[in-house]
Amino acid sequence: MTAPEGYITFDPEIYSDDGSISDDSTAEFLRKYVQEFREHIERVLTVLPRNR
């Protein structure tokens, strides 16, 4: 992940009020994106010094 950003089009037929996603390909994309974003943040945090 070189640029931690994603563009997601809102479609009221896909996203329900409780946050569930009815489109399997969208749900899979979001699962993979969040996992890659988490891994990106973990890598960044291991490189940047923490000011405490």
PDB file of N, CA and C in Angstrom:
ATOM      1  N   MET A   1       0.865  -1.164   0.000  1.00  0.00           N
ATOM      2  CA  MET A   1       0.000   0.000   0.000  1.00  0.00           C
ATOM      3  C   MET A   1       0.907   1.221   0.000  1.00  0.00           C
ATOM      4  N   THR A   2       0.953   1.913  -1.118  1.00  0.00           N
ATOM      5  CA  THR A   2       1.788   3.106  -1.197  1.00  0.00           C
ATOM      6  C   THR A   2       1.013   4.379  -0.889  1.00  0.00           C
ATOM      7  N   ALA A   3      -0.261   4.365  -1.111  1.00  0.00           N
ATOM      8  CA  ALA A   3      -1.109   5.519  -0.801  1.00  0.00           C
ATOM      9  C   ALA A   3      -2.338   5.009  -0.052  1.00  0.00           C
ATOM     10  N   PRO A   4      -2.393   5.230   1.260  1.00  0.00           N
ATOM     11  CA  PRO A   4      -3.504   4.679   2.037  1.00  0.00           C
ATOM     12  C   PRO A   4      -4.803   5.459   1.857  1.00  0.00           C
ATOM     13  N   GLU A   5      -5.391   5.305   0.710  1.00  0.00           N
ATOM     14  CA  GLU A   5      -6.683   5.945   0.472  1.00  0.00           C
ATOM     15  C   GLU A   5      -7.520   5.039  -0.410  1.00  0.00           C
ATOM     16  N   GLY A   6      -8.793   5.155  -0.304  1.00  0.00           N
ATOM     17  CA  GLY A   6      -9.705   4.373  -1.112  1.00  0.00           C
ATOM     18  C   GLY A   6     -10.918   5.205  -1.460  1.00  0.00           C
ATOM     19  N   TYR A   7     -11.477   4.940  -2.595  1.00  0.00           N
ATOM     20  CA  TYR A   7     -12.668   5.660  -3.044  1.00  0.00           C
ATOM     21  C   TYR A   7     -13.817   4.676  -3.120  1.00  0.00           C
ATOM     22  N   ILE A   8     -14.855   4.961  -2.383  1.00  0.00           N
ATOM     23  CA  ILE A   8     -16.000   4.071  -2.296  1.00  0.00           C
ATOM     24  C   ILE A   8     -17.247   4.853  -2.668  1.00  0.00           C
ATOM     25  N   THR A   9     -17.961   4.362  -3.641  1.00  0.00           N
ATOM     26  CA  THR A   9     -19.195   5.008  -4.068  1.00  0.00           C
ATOM     27  C   THR A   9     -20.342   4.555  -3.168  1.00  0.00           C
ATOM     28  N   PHE A  10     -21.093   5.507  -2.664  1.00  0.00           N
ATOM     29  CA  PHE A  10     -22.232   5.153  -1.827  1.00  0.00           C
ATOM     30  C   PHE A  10     -23.398   4.743  -2.704  1.00  0.00           C
ATOM     31  N   ASP A  11     -23.973   3.621  -2.395  1.00  0.00           N
ATOM     32  CA  ASP A  11     -25.159   3.122  -3.084  1.00  0.00           C
ATOM     33  C   ASP A  11     -26.115   2.626  -2.008  1.00  0.00           C
ATOM     34  N   PRO A  12     -27.241   3.317  -1.809  1.00  0.00           N
ATOM     35  CA  PRO A  12     -28.151   2.936  -0.721  1.00  0.00           C
ATOM     36  C   PRO A  12     -28.679   1.508  -0.834  1.00  0.00           C
ATOM     37  N   GLU A  13     -28.579   0.899  -2.007  1.00  0.00           N
ATOM     38  CA  GLU A  13     -29.037  -0.482  -2.154  1.00  0.00           C
ATOM     39  C   GLU A  13     -28.010  -1.479  -1.619  1.00  0.00           C
ATOM     40  N   ILE A  14     -26.764  -1.051  -1.450  1.00  0.00           N
ATOM     41  CA  ILE A  14     -25.695  -1.946  -0.981  1.00  0.00           C
ATOM     42  C   ILE A  14     -25.517  -1.873   0.525  1.00  0.00           C
ATOM     43  N   TYR A  15     -25.603  -0.671   1.091  1.00  0.00           N
ATOM     44  CA  TYR A  15     -25.333  -0.459   2.521  1.00  0.00           C
ATOM     45  C   TYR A  15     -26.645  -0.286   3.274  1.00  0.00           C
ATOM     46  N   SER A  16     -26.862  -1.114   4.288  1.00  0.00           N
ATOM     47  CA  SER A  16     -28.094  -0.990   5.068  1.00  0.00           C
ATOM     48  C   SER A  16     -27.865  -0.059   6.257  1.00  0.00           C
ATOM     49  N   ASP A  17     -28.937   0.293   6.936  1.00  0.00           N
ATOM     50  CA  ASP A  17     -28.861   1.201   8.082  1.00  0.00           C
ATOM     51  C   ASP A  17     -28.007   0.649   9.228  1.00  0.00           C
ATOM     52  N   ASP A  18     -27.933  -0.674   9.355  1.00  0.00           N
ATOM     53  CA  ASP A  18     -27.146  -1.266  10.438  1.00  0.00           C
ATOM     54  C   ASP A  18     -25.667  -1.449  10.063  1.00  0.00           C
ATOM     55  N   GLY A  19     -25.289  -1.008   8.858  1.00  0.00           N
ATOM     56  CA  GLY A  19     -23.897  -1.079   8.433  1.00  0.00           C
ATOM     57  C   GLY A  19     -23.531  -2.326   7.659  1.00  0.00           C
ATOM     58  N   SER A  20     -24.458  -3.236   7.489  1.00  0.00           N
ATOM     59  CA  SER A  20     -24.146  -4.441   6.727  1.00  0.00           C
ATOM     60  C   SER A  20     -24.110  -4.120   5.229  1.00  0.00           C
ATOM     61  N   ILE A  21     -23.390  -4.968   4.501  1.00  0.00           N
ATOM     62  CA  ILE A  21     -23.178  -4.758   3.065  1.00  0.00           C
ATOM     63  C   ILE A  21     -23.759  -5.958   2.337  1.00  0.00           C
ATOM     64  N   SER A  22     -24.660  -5.699   1.408  1.00  0.00           N
ATOM     65  CA  SER A  22     -25.330  -6.797   0.713  1.00  0.00           C
ATOM     66  C   SER A  22     -24.587  -7.267  -0.529  1.00  0.00           C
ATOM     67  N   ASP A  23     -23.673  -6.475  -1.045  1.00  0.00           N
ATOM     68  CA  ASP A  23     -22.923  -6.844  -2.248  1.00  0.00           C
ATOM     69  C   ASP A  23     -21.630  -7.545  -1.832  1.00  0.00           C
ATOM     70  N   ASP A  24     -21.486  -8.804  -2.224  1.00  0.00           N
ATOM     71  CA  ASP A  24     -20.327  -9.596  -1.793  1.00  0.00           C
ATOM     72  C   ASP A  24     -19.006  -9.025  -2.280  1.00  0.00           C
ATOM     73  N   SER A  25     -18.941  -8.528  -3.496  1.00  0.00           N
ATOM     74  CA  SER A  25     -17.670  -8.003  -4.005  1.00  0.00           C
ATOM     75  C   SER A  25     -17.266  -6.728  -3.272  1.00  0.00           C
ATOM     76  N   THR A  26     -18.222  -5.896  -2.913  1.00  0.00           N
ATOM     77  CA  THR A  26     -17.920  -4.682  -2.136  1.00  0.00           C
ATOM     78  C   THR A  26     -17.451  -5.057  -0.739  1.00  0.00           C
ATOM     79  N   ALA A  27     -18.116  -6.008  -0.121  1.00  0.00           N
ATOM     80  CA  ALA A  27     -17.726  -6.453   1.219  1.00  0.00           C
ATOM     81  C   ALA A  27     -16.318  -7.033   1.200  1.00  0.00           C
ATOM     82  N   GLU A  28     -15.991  -7.824   0.203  1.00  0.00           N
ATOM     83  CA  GLU A  28     -14.655  -8.406   0.099  1.00  0.00           C
ATOM     84  C   GLU A  28     -13.607  -7.323  -0.142  1.00  0.00           C
ATOM     85  N   PHE A  29     -13.906  -6.338  -0.999  1.00  0.00           N
ATOM     86  CA  PHE A  29     -12.986  -5.235  -1.231  1.00  0.00           C
ATOM     87  C   PHE A  29     -12.696  -4.503   0.075  1.00  0.00           C
ATOM     88  N   LEU A  30     -13.730  -4.201   0.837  1.00  0.00           N
ATOM     89  CA  LEU A  30     -13.551  -3.475   2.095  1.00  0.00           C
ATOM     90  C   LEU A  30     -12.767  -4.294   3.119  1.00  0.00           C
ATOM     91  N   ARG A  31     -13.015  -5.603   3.186  1.00  0.00           N
ATOM     92  CA  ARG A  31     -12.246  -6.462   4.095  1.00  0.00           C
ATOM     93  C   ARG A  31     -10.760  -6.430   3.748  1.00  0.00           C
ATOM     94  N   LYS A  32     -10.448  -6.575   2.465  1.00  0.00           N
ATOM     95  CA  LYS A  32      -9.049  -6.566   2.031  1.00  0.00           C
ATOM     96  C   LYS A  32      -8.417  -5.195   2.252  1.00  0.00           C
ATOM     97  N   TYR A  33      -9.154  -4.140   1.951  1.00  0.00           N
ATOM     98  CA  TYR A  33      -8.620  -2.795   2.120  1.00  0.00           C
ATOM     99  C   TYR A  33      -8.292  -2.510   3.584  1.00  0.00           C
ATOM    100  N   VAL A  34      -9.199  -2.839   4.475  1.00  0.00           N
ATOM    101  CA  VAL A  34      -8.979  -2.581   5.897  1.00  0.00           C
ATOM    102  C   VAL A  34      -7.790  -3.393   6.400  1.00  0.00           C
ATOM    103  N   GLN A  35      -7.657  -4.631   5.963  1.00  0.00           N
ATOM    104  CA  GLN A  35      -6.513  -5.452   6.368  1.00  0.00           C
ATOM    105  C   GLN A  35      -5.204  -4.833   5.866  1.00  0.00           C
ATOM    106  N   GLU A  36      -5.167  -4.420   4.605  1.00  0.00           N
ATOM    107  CA  GLU A  36      -3.963  -3.798   4.063  1.00  0.00           C
ATOM    108  C   GLU A  36      -3.667  -2.464   4.758  1.00  0.00           C
ATOM    109  N   PHE A  37      -4.693  -1.704   5.084  1.00  0.00           N
ATOM    110  CA  PHE A  37      -4.502  -0.439   5.785  1.00  0.00           C
ATOM    111  C   PHE A  37      -3.913  -0.683   7.173  1.00  0.00           C
ATOM    112  N   ARG A  38      -4.412  -1.686   7.851  1.00  0.00           N
ATOM    113  CA  ARG A  38      -3.888  -2.037   9.174  1.00  0.00           C
ATOM    114  C   ARG A  38      -2.413  -2.405   9.081  1.00  0.00           C
ATOM    115  N   GLU A  39      -2.057  -3.231   8.101  1.00  0.00           N
ATOM    116  CA  GLU A  39      -0.662  -3.625   7.919  1.00  0.00           C
ATOM    117  C   GLU A  39       0.210  -2.409   7.596  1.00  0.00           C
ATOM    118  N   HIS A  40      -0.319  -1.488   6.814  1.00  0.00           N
ATOM    119  CA  HIS A  40       0.402  -0.259   6.481  1.00  0.00           C
ATOM    120  C   HIS A  40       0.683   0.551   7.749  1.00  0.00           C
ATOM    121  N   ILE A  41      -0.319   0.725   8.577  1.00  0.00           N
ATOM    122  CA  ILE A  41      -0.164   1.490   9.819  1.00  0.00           C
ATOM    123  C   ILE A  41       0.844   0.806  10.740  1.00  0.00           C
ATOM    124  N   GLU A  42       0.790  -0.511  10.839  1.00  0.00           N
ATOM    125  CA  GLU A  42       1.748  -1.228  11.671  1.00  0.00           C
ATOM    126  C   GLU A  42       3.178  -0.998  11.179  1.00  0.00           C
ATOM    127  N   ARG A  43       3.389  -0.999   9.855  1.00  0.00           N
ATOM    128  CA  ARG A  43       4.724  -0.747   9.311  1.00  0.00           C
ATOM    129  C   ARG A  43       5.168   0.674   9.610  1.00  0.00           C
ATOM    130  N   VAL A  44       4.288   1.638   9.445  1.00  0.00           N
ATOM    131  CA  VAL A  44       4.628   3.038   9.705  1.00  0.00           C
ATOM    132  C   VAL A  44       4.985   3.227  11.171  1.00  0.00           C
ATOM    133  N   LEU A  45       4.222   2.639  12.056  1.00  0.00           N
ATOM    134  CA  LEU A  45       4.470   2.796  13.489  1.00  0.00           C
ATOM    135  C   LEU A  45       5.782   2.174  13.932  1.00  0.00           C
ATOM    136  N   THR A  46       6.266   1.185  13.209  1.00  0.00           N
ATOM    137  CA  THR A  46       7.549   0.589  13.576  1.00  0.00           C
ATOM    138  C   THR A  46       8.725   1.443  13.108  1.00  0.00           C
ATOM    139  N   VAL A  47       8.497   2.348  12.162  1.00  0.00           N
ATOM    140  CA  VAL A  47       9.563   3.185  11.616  1.00  0.00           C
ATOM    141  C   VAL A  47       9.620   4.549  12.294  1.00  0.00           C
ATOM    142  N   LEU A  48       8.464   5.120  12.572  1.00  0.00           N
ATOM    143  CA  LEU A  48       8.419   6.472  13.152  1.00  0.00           C
ATOM    144  C   LEU A  48       8.684   6.430  14.653  1.00  0.00           C
ATOM    145  N   PRO A  49       9.537   7.335  15.127  1.00  0.00           N
ATOM    146  CA  PRO A  49       9.754   7.384  16.575  1.00  0.00           C
ATOM    147  C   PRO A  49       8.529   7.966  17.287  1.00  0.00           C
ATOM    148  N   ARG A  50       8.259   7.448  18.458  1.00  0.00           N
ATOM    149  CA  ARG A  50       7.138   7.960  19.254  1.00  0.00           C
ATOM    150  C   ARG A  50       7.643   8.994  20.216  1.00  0.00           C
ATOM    151  N   ASN A  51       6.980  10.128  20.258  1.00  0.00           N
ATOM    152  CA  ASN A  51       7.363  11.208  21.173  1.00  0.00           C
ATOM    153  C   ASN A  51       6.558  11.065  22.454  1.00  0.00           C
ATOM    154  N   ARG A  52       7.182  10.530  23.467  1.00  0.00           N
ATOM    155  CA  ARG A  52       6.498  10.367  24.758  1.00  0.00           C
ATOM    156  C   ARG A  52       7.358  10.879  25.852  1.00  0.00           C
TER     157      ARG A  52
END
